[in-house]
Protein backbone atom coordinates (compact mmCIF):
# COMPACT_ATOMS: atom_id res chain seq x y z
CA MET A 1 86.65 162.80 107.02
CA ALA A 2 89.65 160.89 107.55
CA SER A 3 92.94 162.76 106.46
CA VAL A 4 95.06 161.20 103.64
CA SER A 5 98.24 159.62 106.52
CA ASP A 6 94.74 157.95 108.02
CA THR A 7 93.39 156.69 104.77
CA ARG A 8 97.28 155.18 104.00
CA GLN A 9 97.86 153.81 106.92
CA LEU A 10 94.60 151.50 106.43
CA GLN A 11 95.60 151.03 103.26
CA GLN A 12 98.89 149.33 104.46
CA THR A 13 97.27 147.69 108.14
CA GLN A 14 94.82 146.16 104.74
CA LYS A 15 97.55 145.19 103.01
CA ASP A 16 99.54 143.66 105.93
CA ALA A 17 96.62 141.52 106.86
CA ALA A 18 96.14 140.02 103.22
CA ASP A 19 99.51 139.06 102.67
CA GLN A 20 100.06 135.48 102.94
CA ASN A 21 104.00 135.72 102.03
CA PHE A 22 105.84 135.04 105.22
CA ASP A 23 108.17 133.11 106.56
CA TYR A 24 106.71 132.84 110.36
CA MET A 25 103.32 134.26 111.80
CA PHE A 26 103.56 135.01 115.92
CA LYS A 27 100.50 135.99 117.47
CA LEU A 28 101.12 138.55 120.68
CA LEU A 29 99.25 140.11 123.33
CA LEU A 30 99.47 143.16 125.37
CA ILE A 31 97.90 142.97 128.31
CA GLY A 32 97.97 144.70 131.68
CA ASN A 33 95.57 147.26 133.93
CA SER A 34 93.20 149.53 131.84
CA SER A 35 95.06 152.83 131.38
CA VAL A 36 98.82 151.74 131.31
CA GLY A 37 99.03 153.36 128.02
CA LYS A 38 98.74 149.54 125.60
CA THR A 39 96.67 151.18 123.07
CA SER A 40 99.06 153.90 122.54
CA PHE A 41 101.78 151.51 122.65
CA LEU A 42 100.53 149.51 119.88
CA PHE A 43 99.43 152.38 117.70
CA ARG A 44 102.66 154.01 118.40
CA TYR A 45 104.52 150.83 116.82
CA ALA A 46 101.99 149.86 114.62
CA ASP A 47 101.40 153.25 113.21
CA ASP A 48 104.38 155.50 114.26
CA SER A 49 101.56 157.45 115.51
CA PHE A 50 100.10 159.22 119.23
CA THR A 51 97.11 160.35 120.76
CA SER A 52 96.32 161.09 124.43
CA ALA A 53 92.70 160.81 123.14
CA PHE A 54 92.35 157.46 122.95
CA VAL A 55 89.67 155.51 125.49
CA SER A 56 89.88 152.15 127.51
CA THR A 57 89.55 148.95 124.85
CA VAL A 58 86.45 147.66 124.95
CA GLY A 59 87.13 144.08 124.96
CA ILE A 60 89.98 143.30 122.06
CA ASP A 61 91.29 144.90 119.68
CA PHE A 62 94.78 144.17 116.90
CA LYS A 63 96.55 145.02 114.40
CA VAL A 64 98.84 143.18 111.90
CA LYS A 65 102.31 144.35 111.27
CA THR A 66 105.18 142.51 109.01
CA VAL A 67 108.86 143.08 110.00
CA PHE A 68 111.63 141.17 108.55
CA ARG A 69 114.26 139.65 111.35
CA ASN A 70 117.03 137.82 110.93
CA ASP A 71 116.80 137.39 106.97
CA LYS A 72 113.10 136.06 107.92
CA ARG A 73 109.60 137.64 107.28
CA VAL A 74 107.87 137.80 109.71
CA LYS A 75 104.29 138.72 110.45
CA LEU A 76 102.88 139.75 113.56
CA GLN A 77 99.09 139.83 115.11
CA ILE A 78 99.22 142.18 117.48
CA TRP A 79 96.11 141.86 120.66
CA ASP A 80 95.18 144.52 122.40
CA THR A 81 93.35 143.70 125.52
CA ALA A 82 90.86 145.50 127.71
CA GLY A 83 92.78 145.75 131.37
CA GLN A 84 89.34 146.09 133.16
CA GLU A 85 87.66 143.18 134.85
CA ARG A 86 84.64 142.28 133.67
CA TYR A 87 86.40 141.95 129.95
CA ARG A 88 88.88 139.37 131.77
CA THR A 89 86.91 136.37 131.04
CA ILE A 90 86.98 137.56 127.03
CA THR A 91 90.65 138.06 127.17
CA THR A 92 92.07 135.31 128.51
CA ALA A 93 90.67 133.26 125.58
CA TYR A 94 92.84 134.91 123.79
CA TYR A 95 95.74 133.82 125.22
CA ARG A 96 95.78 130.46 124.00
CA GLY A 97 98.30 130.33 120.51
CA ALA A 98 100.25 133.58 122.19
CA MET A 99 103.84 133.04 121.25
CA GLY A 100 104.68 135.94 123.13
CA PHE A 101 102.82 138.85 125.87
CA LEU A 102 104.06 142.35 126.58
CA LEU A 103 102.95 143.03 130.51
CA MET A 104 102.85 146.19 130.20
CA TYR A 105 102.60 148.89 133.87
CA ASP A 106 102.32 152.22 134.18
CA ILE A 107 105.84 153.72 135.84
CA THR A 108 103.20 156.33 137.74
CA SER A 109 100.85 154.07 139.09
CA LEU A 110 101.24 151.34 141.79
CA GLU A 111 98.29 149.97 141.55
CA SER A 112 99.42 148.71 137.96
CA PHE A 113 102.44 148.13 139.27
CA THR A 114 101.01 145.71 141.95
CA ALA A 115 98.67 143.74 139.37
CA VAL A 116 101.85 142.64 137.38
CA GLN A 117 101.87 139.46 139.64
CA ASP A 118 98.39 138.33 139.06
CA TRP A 119 98.57 139.18 135.32
CA ALA A 120 101.75 137.33 135.20
CA THR A 121 99.58 134.04 136.89
CA GLN A 122 97.34 134.67 134.26
CA ILE A 123 100.31 133.96 131.46
CA LYS A 124 100.94 130.93 133.16
CA THR A 125 97.47 129.32 133.90
CA TYR A 126 95.93 130.49 130.26
CA SER A 127 99.31 130.21 127.54
CA TRP A 128 101.29 128.01 126.05
CA ASP A 129 103.90 126.77 128.23
CA ASN A 130 107.06 128.49 126.30
CA ALA A 131 105.53 131.75 125.48
CA GLN A 132 107.91 134.46 125.67
CA VAL A 133 107.24 137.69 127.84
CA ILE A 134 108.79 140.78 129.15
CA LEU A 135 107.57 143.28 131.32
CA VAL A 136 107.54 146.70 130.25
CA GLY A 137 107.27 150.22 132.73
CA ASN A 138 105.35 152.45 130.28
CA LYS A 139 105.46 156.56 130.53
CA CYS A 140 108.81 156.56 131.83
CA ASP A 141 108.59 160.36 129.85
CA LEU A 142 106.48 160.69 133.52
CA GLU A 143 109.97 160.37 135.56
CA ASP A 144 109.23 163.43 137.71
CA GLU A 145 105.79 161.32 138.45
CA ARG A 146 107.44 157.99 139.26
CA LEU A 147 106.03 156.00 141.68
CA VAL A 148 107.72 152.78 140.41
CA PRO A 149 111.87 152.79 141.08
CA THR A 150 113.18 150.67 138.37
CA GLU A 151 115.14 148.25 140.90
CA ASP A 152 111.56 146.88 141.77
CA SER A 153 110.61 146.28 138.57
CA GLN A 154 114.24 144.26 138.00
CA ARG A 155 113.36 142.58 140.42
CA LEU A 156 109.89 141.24 139.94
CA ALA A 157 111.46 140.47 136.38
CA ASP A 158 114.00 138.08 137.48
CA GLU A 159 111.29 136.86 139.97
CA LEU A 160 109.02 135.97 137.30
CA GLY A 161 111.43 134.40 134.55
CA PHE A 162 110.48 137.53 132.49
CA GLN A 163 112.65 140.33 130.70
CA PHE A 164 112.08 143.86 131.53
CA CYS A 165 112.42 147.18 129.72
CA GLU A 166 110.83 150.81 130.73
CA ALA A 167 109.79 152.76 127.65
CA SER A 168 107.17 155.73 126.20
CA ALA A 169 104.83 155.92 123.52
CA LYS A 170 104.32 159.41 123.89
CA ASP A 171 107.79 160.10 122.97
CA ASN A 172 108.80 156.92 121.59
CA ILE A 173 111.20 155.24 123.75
CA ASN A 174 112.09 151.66 123.12
CA VAL A 175 108.83 150.93 121.87
CA LYS A 176 110.48 149.18 118.01
CA GLN A 177 113.31 147.56 120.52
CA VAL A 178 110.59 146.21 122.84
CA PHE A 179 108.80 144.41 120.16
CA GLU A 180 111.93 143.17 117.66
CA HIS A 181 113.27 141.74 120.55
CA LEU A 182 110.19 140.02 121.34
CA VAL A 183 110.45 138.65 117.75
CA ASP A 184 113.81 137.81 118.38
CA VAL A 185 113.48 135.77 121.81
CA ILE A 186 110.22 133.90 120.33
CA CYS A 187 112.51 133.05 117.09
CA GLU A 188 115.70 132.03 119.00
CA LYS A 189 113.70 129.79 121.20
CA MET A 190 112.24 127.88 117.80
CA ASN A 191 115.54 127.43 117.26
CA GLU A 192 116.29 125.99 120.11
CA SER A 193 113.50 123.75 120.16
CA VAL A 194 114.25 122.48 116.41
CA ASP A 195 117.87 121.73 117.92
CA GLY A 196 115.96 119.90 120.86
CA ASP A 197 117.80 122.53 123.51
CA GLN A 198 115.33 123.70 125.98
CA SER A 199 117.47 125.70 127.80
CA PRO A 200 115.98 129.09 129.43
CA SER A 201 119.07 131.40 128.35
CA GLY A 202 118.02 134.95 127.81
CA LYS A 203 115.70 135.01 130.71
CA GLY A 204 115.40 138.05 133.50
CA ALA A 205 118.33 140.35 131.12
CA ALA A 206 117.18 143.48 131.23
CA LEU A 207 116.93 145.64 127.66
CA GLN A 208 118.22 149.01 128.33
CA ASP A 209 116.65 152.22 128.19
CA THR A 210 117.16 154.55 124.87
CA PRO A 211 117.56 158.15 125.51
CA PRO A 212 114.96 160.37 123.71
CA ASP A 213 118.01 161.84 121.14
CA ASN A 214 118.85 158.45 120.24
CA GLN A 215 116.27 155.74 118.75
CA GLY A 216 118.91 153.36 118.07
CA GLY A 217 117.84 150.80 120.56
CA CYS A 218 118.15 148.38 123.45
CA ALA A 219 121.53 146.49 123.88
CA CYS A 220 119.07 142.94 122.94
């Protein structure tokens, strides 16, 4: 039996999905290897909930959330993709039309970090040319188990022309900030396109980590 909280969250999701009163609608994708925490990250942002009992996403799933940024009402379609190779053909079909990506790896998994280059190639191959990307090192709460140095991640993000942030869905570190920054960058690029300015400003910049006792946000 669903709890009162679960019922309210479902009702809010349904309301957001049906709501046609918005200024912009952005399609965002969470991509990366299986088990890096994409589903947990999405649930933390959309429902402010966390559970370690998630099973691997089958194919693709999504949530809808409406936010206010710069006096604009922005409706977000956030797609949670499966990381397993057997679903790759399905998930890449959803890249088309996506305006932003959170490319995620697990800071305790070298394999997931090594795969970032392949995921980046897929973004460049299948997505819109001007899609914005933030590289996210998830599970920064597991510092004692870290295998991927922050410096290596920042260096790779710079090489790829992506922005970079470390976060934790479990401890709710930088989750909201990452999504909001991605939305802000997309809005900024839209304004530049309208003005005829295609300069790649903001590429490669790092979002600063937020300590657990201060959820004030990244230095965006």
